[in-house]
C-alpha atoms as a PDB file:
ATOM      1  CA  UNK A   1     161.412-129.135 -64.870  1.00  0.00           C
ATOM      2  CA  UNK A   2     162.444-132.257 -63.699  1.00  0.00           C
ATOM      3  CA  UNK A   3     165.913-131.650 -64.048  1.00  0.00           C
ATOM      4  CA  UNK A   4     165.986-129.021 -61.665  1.00  0.00           C
ATOM      5  CA  UNK A   5     164.625-130.210 -58.317  1.00  0.00           C
ATOM      6  CA  UNK A   6     168.299-131.091 -56.977  1.00  0.00           C
ATOM      7  CA  UNK A   7     169.582-127.729 -57.672  1.00  0.00           C
ATOM      8  CA  UNK A   8     166.507-126.095 -56.365  1.00  0.00           C
ATOM      9  CA  UNK A   9     166.581-127.883 -53.188  1.00  0.00           C
ATOM     10  CA  UNK A  10     170.430-126.861 -52.560  1.00  0.00           C
ATOM     11  CA  UNK A  11     169.485-123.253 -52.899  1.00  0.00           C
ATOM     12  CA  UNK A  12     166.409-123.403 -50.715  1.00  0.00           C
ATOM     13  CA  UNK A  13     168.640-125.453 -48.139  1.00  0.00           C
ATOM     14  CA  UNK A  14     170.830-122.219 -47.914  1.00  0.00           C
ATOM     15  CA  UNK A  15     168.062-120.731 -46.463  1.00  0.00           C
ATOM     16  CA  UNK A  16     166.484-122.959 -44.020  1.00  0.00           C
ATOM     17  CA  UNK A  17     169.542-123.583 -41.779  1.00  0.00           C
ATOM     18  CA  UNK A  18     170.800-126.408 -39.499  1.00  0.00           C
ATOM     19  CA  UNK A  19     169.388-128.295 -36.582  1.00  0.00           C
ATOM     20  CA  UNK A  20     167.441-125.969 -34.224  1.00  0.00           C
ATOM     21  CA  UNK A  21     165.527-126.985 -30.836  1.00  0.00           C
ATOM     22  CA  UNK A  22     163.387-124.166 -29.615  1.00  0.00           C
ATOM     23  CA  UNK A  23     163.714-124.177 -25.784  1.00  0.00           C
ATOM     24  CA  UNK A  24     160.005-123.574 -25.163  1.00  0.00           C
ATOM     25  CA  UNK A  25     158.795-126.308 -27.166  1.00  0.00           C
ATOM     26  CA  UNK A  26     159.795-129.984 -26.687  1.00  0.00           C
ATOM     27  CA  UNK A  27     158.319-130.759 -30.238  1.00  0.00           C
ATOM     28  CA  UNK A  28     159.600-127.708 -31.897  1.00  0.00           C
ATOM     29  CA  UNK A  29     163.164-129.273 -33.268  1.00  0.00           C
ATOM     30  CA  UNK A  30     163.875-128.643 -36.846  1.00  0.00           C
ATOM     31  CA  UNK A  31     166.722-129.307 -38.995  1.00  0.00           C
ATOM     32  CA  UNK A  32     167.200-128.202 -42.478  1.00  0.00           C
ATOM     33  CA  UNK A  33     163.763-126.917 -42.516  1.00  0.00           C
ATOM     34  CA  UNK A  34     161.940-129.868 -41.635  1.00  0.00           C
ATOM     35  CA  UNK A  35     160.155-130.149 -38.259  1.00  0.00           C
ATOM     36  CA  UNK A  36     160.217-132.924 -36.072  1.00  0.00           C
ATOM     37  CA  UNK A  37     156.291-133.407 -36.623  1.00  0.00           C
ATOM     38  CA  UNK A  38     156.866-133.235 -40.458  1.00  0.00           C
ATOM     39  CA  UNK A  39     159.553-135.869 -40.035  1.00  0.00           C
ATOM     40  CA  UNK A  40     157.308-138.287 -38.240  1.00  0.00           C
ATOM     41  CA  UNK A  41     154.479-137.488 -40.675  1.00  0.00           C
ATOM     42  CA  UNK A  42     156.589-139.012 -43.203  1.00  0.00           C
ATOM     43  CA  UNK A  43     158.713-141.645 -41.139  1.00  0.00           C
ATOM     44  CA  UNK A  44     156.571-142.631 -37.949  1.00  0.00           C
ATOM     45  CA  UNK A  45     155.842-141.610 -34.816  1.00  0.00           C
ATOM     46  CA  UNK A  46     158.937-143.274 -32.960  1.00  0.00           C
ATOM     47  CA  UNK A  47     161.187-140.889 -34.887  1.00  0.00           C
ATOM     48  CA  UNK A  48     162.995-138.469 -32.228  1.00  0.00           C
ATOM     49  CA  UNK A  49     165.187-135.730 -32.136  1.00  0.00           C
ATOM     50  CA  UNK A  50     168.228-137.769 -32.721  1.00  0.00           C
ATOM     51  CA  UNK A  51     166.726-139.113 -36.056  1.00  0.00           C
ATOM     52  CA  UNK A  52     165.769-135.668 -37.030  1.00  0.00           C
ATOM     53  CA  UNK A  53     169.488-134.398 -36.600  1.00  0.00           C
ATOM     54  CA  UNK A  54     170.806-137.164 -38.370  1.00  0.00           C
ATOM     55  CA  UNK A  55     168.189-136.734 -41.454  1.00  0.00           C
ATOM     56  CA  UNK A  56     169.698-138.430 -44.593  1.00  0.00           C
ATOM     57  CA  UNK A  57     169.829-136.670 -47.598  1.00  0.00           C
ATOM     58  CA  UNK A  58     167.606-139.216 -48.909  1.00  0.00           C
ATOM     59  CA  UNK A  59     164.946-138.572 -46.441  1.00  0.00           C
ATOM     60  CA  UNK A  60     165.383-134.347 -46.979  1.00  0.00           C
ATOM     61  CA  UNK A  61     164.906-134.982 -50.780  1.00  0.00           C
ATOM     62  CA  UNK A  62     162.014-136.939 -50.153  1.00  0.00           C
ATOM     63  CA  UNK A  63     160.333-134.745 -47.641  1.00  0.00           C
ATOM     64  CA  UNK A  64     161.004-131.572 -49.980  1.00  0.00           C
ATOM     65  CA  UNK A  65     160.028-133.300 -53.011  1.00  0.00           C
ATOM     66  CA  UNK A  66     156.783-134.618 -52.133  1.00  0.00           C
ATOM     67  CA  UNK A  67     155.693-131.872 -49.818  1.00  0.00           C
ATOM     68  CA  UNK A  68     156.472-128.904 -51.950  1.00  0.00           C
ATOM     69  CA  UNK A  69     157.956-129.765 -55.045  1.00  0.00           C
ATOM     70  CA  UNK A  70     155.346-131.899 -56.352  1.00  0.00           C
ATOM     71  CA  UNK A  71     152.426-130.344 -54.576  1.00  0.00           C
ATOM     72  CA  UNK A  72     153.301-127.406 -56.809  1.00  0.00           C
ATOM     73  CA  UNK A  73     153.459-129.312 -59.801  1.00  0.00           C
ATOM     74  CA  UNK A  74     157.029-128.247 -60.392  1.00  0.00           C
ATOM     75  CA  UNK A  75     157.964-130.573 -62.773  1.00  0.00           C
ATOM     76  CA  UNK A  76     155.449-129.312 -65.252  1.00  0.00           C
ATOM     77  CA  UNK A  77     156.536-125.623 -64.957  1.00  0.00           C
ATOM     78  CA  UNK A  78     158.946-124.136 -67.370  1.00  0.00           C
ATOM     79  CA  UNK A  79     162.527-123.309 -66.294  1.00  0.00           C
ATOM     80  CA  UNK A  80     162.977-120.467 -63.641  1.00  0.00           C
ATOM     81  CA  UNK A  81     159.184-120.585 -62.543  1.00  0.00           C
ATOM     82  CA  UNK A  82     159.439-123.745 -61.234  1.00  0.00           C
ATOM     83  CA  UNK A  83     162.417-122.983 -59.000  1.00  0.00           C
ATOM     84  CA  UNK A  84     160.785-119.698 -57.747  1.00  0.00           C
ATOM     85  CA  UNK A  85     157.551-121.535 -56.786  1.00  0.00           C
ATOM     86  CA  UNK A  86     159.344-124.008 -54.802  1.00  0.00           C
ATOM     87  CA  UNK A  87     161.227-121.432 -52.906  1.00  0.00           C
ATOM     88  CA  UNK A  88     158.113-119.565 -52.271  1.00  0.00           C
ATOM     89  CA  UNK A  89     156.140-122.716 -51.231  1.00  0.00           C
ATOM     90  CA  UNK A  90     158.555-123.649 -48.851  1.00  0.00           C
ATOM     91  CA  UNK A  91     158.921-120.071 -47.226  1.00  0.00           C
ATOM     92  CA  UNK A  92     155.374-119.240 -47.144  1.00  0.00           C
ATOM     93  CA  UNK A  93     153.401-122.648 -47.869  1.00  0.00           C
ATOM     94  CA  UNK A  94     152.360-124.324 -51.128  1.00  0.00           C
ATOM     95  CA  UNK A  95     148.909-122.675 -51.187  1.00  0.00           C
ATOM     96  CA  UNK A  96     150.342-118.967 -51.263  1.00  0.00           C
ATOM     97  CA  UNK A  97     152.983-119.658 -53.663  1.00  0.00           C
ATOM     98  CA  UNK A  98     150.282-121.093 -56.221  1.00  0.00           C
ATOM     99  CA  UNK A  99     148.286-117.899 -55.781  1.00  0.00           C
ATOM    100  CA  UNK A 100     151.330-115.736 -56.700  1.00  0.00           C
ATOM    101  CA  UNK A 101     151.705-117.666 -59.665  1.00  0.00           C
ATOM    102  CA  UNK A 102     148.152-117.560 -60.691  1.00  0.00           C
ATOM    103  CA  UNK A 103     147.831-113.743 -60.085  1.00  0.00           C
ATOM    104  CA  UNK A 104     150.770-112.948 -62.161  1.00  0.00           C
ATOM    105  CA  UNK A 105     149.728-115.398 -65.210  1.00  0.00           C
ATOM    106  CA  UNK A 106     146.404-114.288 -65.127  1.00  0.00           C
ATOM    107  CA  UNK A 107     144.276-117.557 -64.017  1.00  0.00           C
ATOM    108  CA  UNK A 108     141.826-117.774 -61.052  1.00  0.00           C
ATOM    109  CA  UNK A 109     143.817-117.726 -57.895  1.00  0.00           C
ATOM    110  CA  UNK A 110     142.750-120.905 -56.232  1.00  0.00           C
ATOM    111  CA  UNK A 111     145.836-122.132 -54.627  1.00  0.00           C
ATOM    112  CA  UNK A 112     146.011-125.255 -56.477  1.00  0.00           C
ATOM    113  CA  UNK A 113     148.166-125.787 -59.569  1.00  0.00           C
ATOM    114  CA  UNK A 114     146.388-127.743 -61.802  1.00  0.00           C
ATOM    115  CA  UNK A 115     146.076-128.257 -65.988  1.00  0.00           C
ATOM    116  CA  UNK A 116     144.900-124.674 -66.330  1.00  0.00           C
ATOM    117  CA  UNK A 117     147.581-122.999 -64.452  1.00  0.00           C
ATOM    118  CA  UNK A 118     150.272-125.204 -66.050  1.00  0.00           C
ATOM    119  CA  UNK A 119     149.062-124.244 -69.525  1.00  0.00           C
ATOM    120  CA  UNK A 120     148.813-120.718 -68.612  1.00  0.00           C
ATOM    121  CA  UNK A 121     152.444-120.764 -67.109  1.00  0.00           C
ATOM    122  CA  UNK A 122     153.735-122.618 -70.339  1.00  0.00           C
ATOM    123  CA  UNK A 123     152.474-119.544 -72.737  1.00  0.00           C
ATOM    124  CA  UNK A 124     153.320-116.712 -70.560  1.00  0.00           C
ATOM    125  CA  UNK A 125     156.490-115.263 -70.465  1.00  0.00           C
ATOM    126  CA  UNK A 126     158.925-116.814 -67.903  1.00  0.00           C
ATOM    127  CA  UNK A 127     160.868-113.732 -67.257  1.00  0.00           C
ATOM    128  CA  UNK A 128     157.698-111.614 -66.507  1.00  0.00           C
ATOM    129  CA  UNK A 129     156.518-114.447 -64.188  1.00  0.00           C
ATOM    130  CA  UNK A 130     159.566-114.655 -62.440  1.00  0.00           C
ATOM    131  CA  UNK A 131     159.808-110.948 -61.967  1.00  0.00           C
ATOM    132  CA  UNK A 132     155.954-110.780 -61.014  1.00  0.00           C
ATOM    133  CA  UNK A 133     156.120-113.486 -58.279  1.00  0.00           C
ATOM    134  CA  UNK A 134     159.103-111.681 -56.486  1.00  0.00           C
ATOM    135  CA  UNK A 135     157.107-108.438 -56.692  1.00  0.00           C
ATOM    136  CA  UNK A 136     154.296-110.329 -55.242  1.00  0.00           C
ATOM    137  CA  UNK A 137     156.365-111.853 -52.333  1.00  0.00           C
ATOM    138  CA  UNK A 138     158.008-108.435 -51.574  1.00  0.00           C
ATOM    139  CA  UNK A 139     154.741-106.873 -51.634  1.00  0.00           C
ATOM    140  CA  UNK A 140     152.966-109.342 -49.393  1.00  0.00           C
ATOM    141  CA  UNK A 141     156.241-108.959 -47.031  1.00  0.00           C
ATOM    142  CA  UNK A 142     156.179-105.104 -46.884  1.00  0.00           C
ATOM    143  CA  UNK A 143     152.562-104.971 -46.024  1.00  0.00           C
ATOM    144  CA  UNK A 144     152.602-107.648 -42.683  1.00  0.00           C
ATOM    145  CA  UNK A 145     151.509-105.552 -40.034  1.00  0.00           C
ATOM    146  CA  UNK A 146     151.064-102.433 -42.047  1.00  0.00           C
ATOM    147  CA  UNK A 147     154.822-102.563 -42.674  1.00  0.00           C
ATOM    148  CA  UNK A 148     156.089-102.497 -39.098  1.00  0.00           C
ATOM    149  CA  UNK A 149     157.966-105.685 -39.477  1.00  0.00           C
ATOM    150  CA  UNK A 150     159.738-104.488 -42.890  1.00  0.00           C
ATOM    151  CA  UNK A 151     161.725-102.209 -40.783  1.00  0.00           C
ATOM    152  CA  UNK A 152     163.252-104.918 -38.655  1.00  0.00           C
ATOM    153  CA  UNK A 153     163.266-107.840 -41.003  1.00  0.00           C
ATOM    154  CA  UNK A 154     163.057-106.245 -44.657  1.00  0.00           C
ATOM    155  CA  UNK A 155     166.774-106.481 -44.967  1.00  0.00           C
ATOM    156  CA  UNK A 156     167.126-110.168 -44.885  1.00  0.00           C
ATOM    157  CA  UNK A 157     163.895-110.741 -46.798  1.00  0.00           C
ATOM    158  CA  UNK A 158     164.723-108.551 -49.505  1.00  0.00           C
ATOM    159  CA  UNK A 159     168.156-110.409 -49.670  1.00  0.00           C
ATOM    160  CA  UNK A 160     166.356-113.627 -50.012  1.00  0.00           C
ATOM    161  CA  UNK A 161     164.119-112.682 -52.533  1.00  0.00           C
ATOM    162  CA  UNK A 162     166.852-111.082 -54.746  1.00  0.00           C
ATOM    163  CA  UNK A 163     168.960-114.034 -54.627  1.00  0.00           C
ATOM    164  CA  UNK A 164     165.823-116.024 -55.837  1.00  0.00           C
ATOM    165  CA  UNK A 165     164.784-113.403 -58.278  1.00  0.00           C
ATOM    166  CA  UNK A 166     168.384-113.469 -59.863  1.00  0.00           C
ATOM    167  CA  UNK A 167     168.713-117.376 -60.005  1.00  0.00           C
ATOM    168  CA  UNK A 168     165.061-117.716 -61.468  1.00  0.00           C
ATOM    169  CA  UNK A 169     166.047-115.319 -64.113  1.00  0.00           C
ATOM    170  CA  UNK A 170     169.018-116.943 -65.098  1.00  0.00           C
ATOM    171  CA  UNK A 171     167.387-120.559 -65.395  1.00  0.00           C
ATOM    172  CA  UNK A 172     164.631-118.861 -68.007  1.00  0.00           C
ATOM    173  CA  UNK A 173     167.779-118.160 -70.172  1.00  0.00           C
ATOM    174  CA  UNK A 174     169.232-121.673 -69.578  1.00  0.00           C
ATOM    175  CA  UNK A 175     172.080-120.204 -67.541  1.00  0.00           C
ATOM    176  CA  UNK A 176     173.831-122.763 -64.935  1.00  0.00           C
ATOM    177  CA  UNK A 177     174.641-120.706 -61.879  1.00  0.00           C
ATOM    178  CA  UNK A 178     176.426-121.982 -59.222  1.00  0.00           C
ATOM    179  CA  UNK A 179     175.366-121.347 -55.647  1.00  0.00           C
ATOM    180  CA  UNK A 180     177.843-118.396 -54.566  1.00  0.00           C
ATOM    181  CA  UNK A 181     180.554-119.222 -52.083  1.00  0.00           C
ATOM    182  CA  UNK A 182     179.617-116.225 -49.949  1.00  0.00           C
ATOM    183  CA  UNK A 183     175.988-117.848 -49.480  1.00  0.00           C
ATOM    184  CA  UNK A 184     175.850-119.618 -45.835  1.00  0.00           C
ATOM    185  CA  UNK A 185     173.480-121.528 -44.126  1.00  0.00           C
ATOM    186  CA  UNK A 186     171.391-119.472 -41.721  1.00  0.00           C
ATOM    187  CA  UNK A 187     169.119-120.003 -38.537  1.00  0.00           C
ATOM    188  CA  UNK A 188     165.709-118.385 -37.799  1.00  0.00           C
ATOM    189  CA  UNK A 189     166.003-114.834 -37.938  1.00  0.00           C
ATOM    190  CA  UNK A 190     163.927-114.379 -34.642  1.00  0.00           C
ATOM    191  CA  UNK A 191     163.125-115.993 -31.070  1.00  0.00           C
ATOM    192  CA  UNK A 192     159.885-116.997 -31.622  1.00  0.00           C
ATOM    193  CA  UNK A 193     157.256-118.698 -29.474  1.00  0.00           C
ATOM    194  CA  UNK A 194     155.246-121.600 -30.057  1.00  0.00           C
ATOM    195  CA  UNK A 195     151.663-120.912 -29.255  1.00  0.00           C
ATOM    196  CA  UNK A 196     148.710-123.239 -28.926  1.00  0.00           C
ATOM    197  CA  UNK A 197     145.050-123.222 -27.550  1.00  0.00           C
ATOM    198  CA  UNK A 198     145.277-121.985 -23.795  1.00  0.00           C
ATOM    199  CA  UNK A 199     148.434-119.805 -24.504  1.00  0.00           C
ATOM    200  CA  UNK A 200     148.627-116.024 -23.469  1.00  0.00           C
ATOM    201  CA  UNK A 201     151.039-113.313 -24.186  1.00  0.00           C
ATOM    202  CA  UNK A 202     152.703-110.998 -26.830  1.00  0.00           C
ATOM    203  CA  UNK A 203     153.030-113.914 -29.427  1.00  0.00           C
ATOM    204  CA  UNK A 204     149.431-114.680 -29.277  1.00  0.00           C
ATOM    205  CA  UNK A 205     148.752-111.274 -30.066  1.00  0.00           C
ATOM    206  CA  UNK A 206     151.247-111.043 -32.995  1.00  0.00           C
ATOM    207  CA  UNK A 207     149.303-114.146 -34.202  1.00  0.00           C
ATOM    208  CA  UNK A 208     145.939-112.545 -33.904  1.00  0.00           C
ATOM    209  CA  UNK A 209     147.212-109.530 -35.642  1.00  0.00           C
ATOM    210  CA  UNK A 210     148.908-111.428 -38.414  1.00  0.00           C
ATOM    211  CA  UNK A 211     145.443-113.465 -38.930  1.00  0.00           C
ATOM    212  CA  UNK A 212     143.777-110.069 -38.994  1.00  0.00           C
ATOM    213  CA  UNK A 213     141.155-111.003 -35.995  1.00  0.00           C
ATOM    214  CA  UNK A 214     140.478-109.558 -32.592  1.00  0.00           C
ATOM    215  CA  UNK A 215     143.682-108.997 -30.712  1.00  0.00           C
ATOM    216  CA  UNK A 216     143.502-110.040 -26.756  1.00  0.00           C
ATOM    217  CA  UNK A 217     146.671-111.752 -26.212  1.00  0.00           C
ATOM    218  CA  UNK A 218     144.454-115.059 -25.369  1.00  0.00           C
ATOM    219  CA  UNK A 219     144.717-118.194 -27.578  1.00  0.00           C
ATOM    220  CA  UNK A 220     140.906-119.278 -27.520  1.00  0.00           C
ATOM    221  CA  UNK A 221     138.794-121.499 -29.904  1.00  0.00           C
ATOM    222  CA  UNK A 222     138.342-118.387 -32.292  1.00  0.00           C
ATOM    223  CA  UNK A 223     141.984-117.957 -32.491  1.00  0.00           C
ATOM    224  CA  UNK A 224     142.534-121.797 -32.950  1.00  0.00           C
ATOM    225  CA  UNK A 225     139.619-121.899 -35.763  1.00  0.00           C
ATOM    226  CA  UNK A 226     141.171-118.904 -37.583  1.00  0.00           C
ATOM    227  CA  UNK A 227     144.667-120.418 -37.394  1.00  0.00           C
ATOM    228  CA  UNK A 228     143.467-123.757 -38.807  1.00  0.00           C
ATOM    229  CA  UNK A 229     141.597-122.005 -41.695  1.00  0.00           C
ATOM    230  CA  UNK A 230     144.912-120.056 -42.548  1.00  0.00           C
ATOM    231  CA  UNK A 231     146.979-123.064 -42.403  1.00  0.00           C
ATOM    232  CA  UNK A 232     144.975-125.089 -44.634  1.00  0.00           C
ATOM    233  CA  UNK A 233     144.842-122.184 -47.001  1.00  0.00           C
ATOM    234  CA  UNK A 234     148.747-122.038 -46.806  1.00  0.00           C
ATOM    235  CA  UNK A 235     149.109-125.749 -47.769  1.00  0.00           C
ATOM    236  CA  UNK A 236     150.330-126.465 -44.070  1.00  0.00           C
ATOM    237  CA  UNK A 237     149.255-128.974 -41.321  1.00  0.00           C
ATOM    238  CA  UNK A 238     146.126-127.629 -40.165  1.00  0.00           C
ATOM    239  CA  UNK A 239     146.944-128.327 -36.272  1.00  0.00           C
ATOM    240  CA  UNK A 240     146.073-125.164 -34.748  1.00  0.00           C
ATOM    241  CA  UNK A 241     149.464-124.814 -33.649  1.00  0.00           C
ATOM    242  CA  UNK A 242     151.633-121.975 -34.551  1.00  0.00           C
ATOM    243  CA  UNK A 243     155.325-122.800 -34.927  1.00  0.00           C
ATOM    244  CA  UNK A 244     158.066-122.093 -37.156  1.00  0.00           C
ATOM    245  CA  UNK A 245     156.412-123.292 -40.402  1.00  0.00           C
ATOM    246  CA  UNK A 246     153.404-121.067 -39.242  1.00  0.00           C
ATOM    247  CA  UNK A 247     155.528-118.049 -38.217  1.00  0.00           C
ATOM    248  CA  UNK A 248     157.324-118.188 -41.707  1.00  0.00           C
ATOM    249  CA  UNK A 249     153.832-118.516 -43.524  1.00  0.00           C
ATOM    250  CA  UNK A 250     152.635-115.402 -41.868  1.00  0.00           C
ATOM    251  CA  UNK A 251     156.019-113.669 -42.835  1.00  0.00           C
ATOM    252  CA  UNK A 252     157.270-113.410 -39.175  1.00  0.00           C
ATOM    253  CA  UNK A 253     160.316-115.310 -39.634  1.00  0.00           C
ATOM    254  CA  UNK A 254     162.406-114.692 -42.557  1.00  0.00           C
END
């Protein structure tokens, strides 16, 4: 619902962390989950890292509302569902979040929230939808690389989804739930690499495994094509570069 955006954003930002400037990518700076590329896309190519580091609350709200909340039509979704869809969209991409919602409420999972999805969401049990989306999300995380990553990152992933589930369920009953004093801002959970056309190494292999294509550790045209297709489906910028947002959508960064 329309009134829920600011509260939902506060909760999402608990997980997104502060300013991070990845040492292997001069354009990889991220602040509160917003990459430099995204920031420049909204406010112009002249914006640099210092501008990103000093991002205002107004700019932050505009990016998250336009790029995620509005993209998923969260204003039109029932209380609780709106928050869960929003958090999923930020963490795994608007397209994947939409599909999880659609799978749970029984409409074609095309990755775009339109009138049919909104109508079905309004008819179904909000409680069941929240539970179902969180289950779909955890199931996806547990299947990544046949479960190999769950042993390493599962505890953190489970904690985030458990928190989203609890707050989402509380919203469906009209409860006002404050952010827990124990919740702290966190930074990305792994030292990922940014890889693009021409790159080689372990992180290219990780990318190829996650995309379910041939694994040779070399980022060639085929890998770029598969990556762009995934990014478009997930609602990300289809630039063919695997940075934090892409790794996050693939489930390799919490």
